[in-house]
């Protein structure tokens, strides 16, 4: 149980002027805190999101198409590179086949 000597006596009722004065002090402290912290408030402020519109979807699809076209162009360039080297090697082999390679490719007729 609490010590009776440590309890505070009830405070008398406040007059209208005292209540207004306390309310002004509360508002002043809240406004003062806002003024002191307003830079932090605006720096950390996150704007509410806006609804997605048709134009946002069009822009997202254009972004995807750009990526798709870029990847397709790279793939075709690589395929062309591979085919060009295969053709070059085929023509080189056809003009002057090395003798040992040609024997390896021939089949033996005797059992």
Protein backbone atom coordinates (compact mmCIF):
# COMPACT_ATOMS: atom_id res chain seq x y z
CA UNK A 1 0.00 0.00 0.00
CA UNK A 2 1.20 3.50 -0.83
CA UNK A 3 2.46 5.82 1.88
CA UNK A 4 -0.28 8.37 2.69
CA UNK A 5 2.29 11.15 3.03
CA UNK A 6 3.43 10.70 -0.62
CA UNK A 7 -0.02 11.15 -2.17
CA UNK A 8 -0.78 14.56 -3.53
CA UNK A 9 -3.83 16.45 -2.41
CA UNK A 10 -6.40 17.04 -5.16
CA UNK A 11 -5.77 20.19 -7.16
CA UNK A 12 -8.38 22.91 -7.06
CA UNK A 13 -10.51 23.38 -10.19
CA UNK A 14 -8.96 25.62 -12.86
CA UNK A 15 -10.45 28.89 -13.90
CA UNK A 16 -11.27 29.57 -17.55
CA UNK A 17 -8.16 31.77 -17.98
CA UNK A 18 -5.91 29.09 -16.48
CA UNK A 19 -7.36 26.47 -18.82
CA UNK A 20 -6.82 28.78 -21.83
CA UNK A 21 -3.26 29.49 -20.69
CA UNK A 22 -2.48 25.77 -20.41
CA UNK A 23 -4.02 25.12 -23.82
CA UNK A 24 -1.87 27.89 -25.35
CA UNK A 25 1.25 26.41 -23.73
CA UNK A 26 0.41 22.97 -25.18
CA UNK A 27 -0.14 24.44 -28.64
CA UNK A 28 3.06 26.49 -28.38
CA UNK A 29 5.09 23.43 -27.44
CA UNK A 30 3.57 21.40 -30.28
CA UNK A 31 4.16 24.20 -32.77
CA UNK A 32 7.67 24.77 -31.40
CA UNK A 33 8.46 21.09 -31.82
CA UNK A 34 7.16 21.25 -35.37
CA UNK A 35 9.36 24.27 -36.15
CA UNK A 36 12.41 22.56 -34.64
CA UNK A 37 11.78 19.27 -36.43
CA UNK A 38 10.23 20.45 -39.68
CA UNK A 39 13.36 19.72 -41.72
CA UNK A 40 13.37 16.15 -40.44
CA UNK A 41 9.64 15.94 -41.06
CA UNK A 42 9.87 17.02 -44.70
CA UNK A 43 13.02 15.01 -45.39
CA UNK A 44 11.43 11.81 -44.08
CA UNK A 45 8.03 12.54 -45.55
CA UNK A 46 6.77 9.90 -47.99
CA UNK A 47 4.18 11.02 -50.47
CA UNK A 48 1.15 8.81 -50.80
CA UNK A 49 1.12 6.61 -53.87
CA UNK A 50 -1.05 7.47 -56.80
CA UNK A 51 -3.33 5.04 -58.60
CA UNK A 52 -1.91 3.20 -61.61
CA UNK A 53 -3.21 4.60 -64.88
CA UNK A 54 -3.31 3.22 -68.41
CA UNK A 55 -0.29 5.33 -69.31
CA UNK A 56 1.75 3.69 -66.53
CA UNK A 57 0.94 0.29 -68.03
CA UNK A 58 1.94 1.50 -71.51
CA UNK A 59 5.27 2.77 -70.18
CA UNK A 60 5.90 -0.51 -68.35
CA UNK A 61 5.20 -2.47 -71.53
CA UNK A 62 7.52 -0.20 -73.53
CA UNK A 63 10.25 -0.83 -70.98
CA UNK A 64 9.72 -4.59 -71.33
CA UNK A 65 9.71 -4.35 -75.16
CA UNK A 66 12.97 -2.39 -75.15
CA UNK A 67 14.61 -5.09 -73.05
CA UNK A 68 13.16 -7.85 -75.26
CA UNK A 69 14.36 -6.20 -78.49
CA UNK A 70 17.82 -5.64 -77.04
CA UNK A 71 18.13 -9.28 -75.99
CA UNK A 72 16.82 -10.49 -79.36
CA UNK A 73 19.32 -8.30 -81.21
CA UNK A 74 22.17 -9.68 -79.11
CA UNK A 75 21.02 -13.25 -79.74
CA UNK A 76 20.85 -12.71 -83.50
CA UNK A 77 24.30 -11.08 -83.53
CA UNK A 78 25.71 -14.09 -81.68
CA UNK A 79 23.99 -16.54 -84.04
CA UNK A 80 25.35 -14.65 -87.05
CA UNK A 81 28.84 -14.74 -85.51
CA UNK A 82 28.66 -18.51 -85.00
CA UNK A 83 27.30 -19.17 -88.51
CA UNK A 84 29.95 -16.94 -90.10
CA UNK A 85 32.72 -18.85 -88.36
CA UNK A 86 31.20 -22.21 -89.32
CA UNK A 87 30.99 -21.13 -92.98
CA UNK A 88 34.54 -19.80 -92.91
CA UNK A 89 35.86 -23.05 -91.46
CA UNK A 90 33.89 -25.10 -94.01
CA UNK A 91 35.36 -23.13 -96.93
CA UNK A 92 38.88 -23.41 -95.52
CA UNK A 93 38.49 -27.18 -95.12
CA UNK A 94 36.97 -27.57 -98.58
CA UNK A 95 39.84 -25.74 -100.34
CA UNK A 96 42.75 -27.57 -98.72
CA UNK A 97 41.80 -30.42 -96.41
CA UNK A 98 44.65 -31.58 -94.25
CA UNK A 99 45.67 -35.11 -95.21
CA UNK A 100 45.51 -36.84 -91.80
CA UNK A 101 42.06 -35.43 -91.13
CA UNK A 102 40.80 -36.66 -94.46
CA UNK A 103 42.02 -40.22 -93.74
CA UNK A 104 40.20 -40.18 -90.43
CA UNK A 105 36.97 -39.26 -92.18
CA UNK A 106 37.32 -42.12 -94.77
CA UNK A 107 35.75 -45.49 -94.05
CA UNK A 108 37.76 -48.69 -94.35
CA UNK A 109 36.38 -51.14 -96.85
CA UNK A 110 38.29 -54.26 -95.77
CA UNK A 111 36.86 -56.28 -92.89
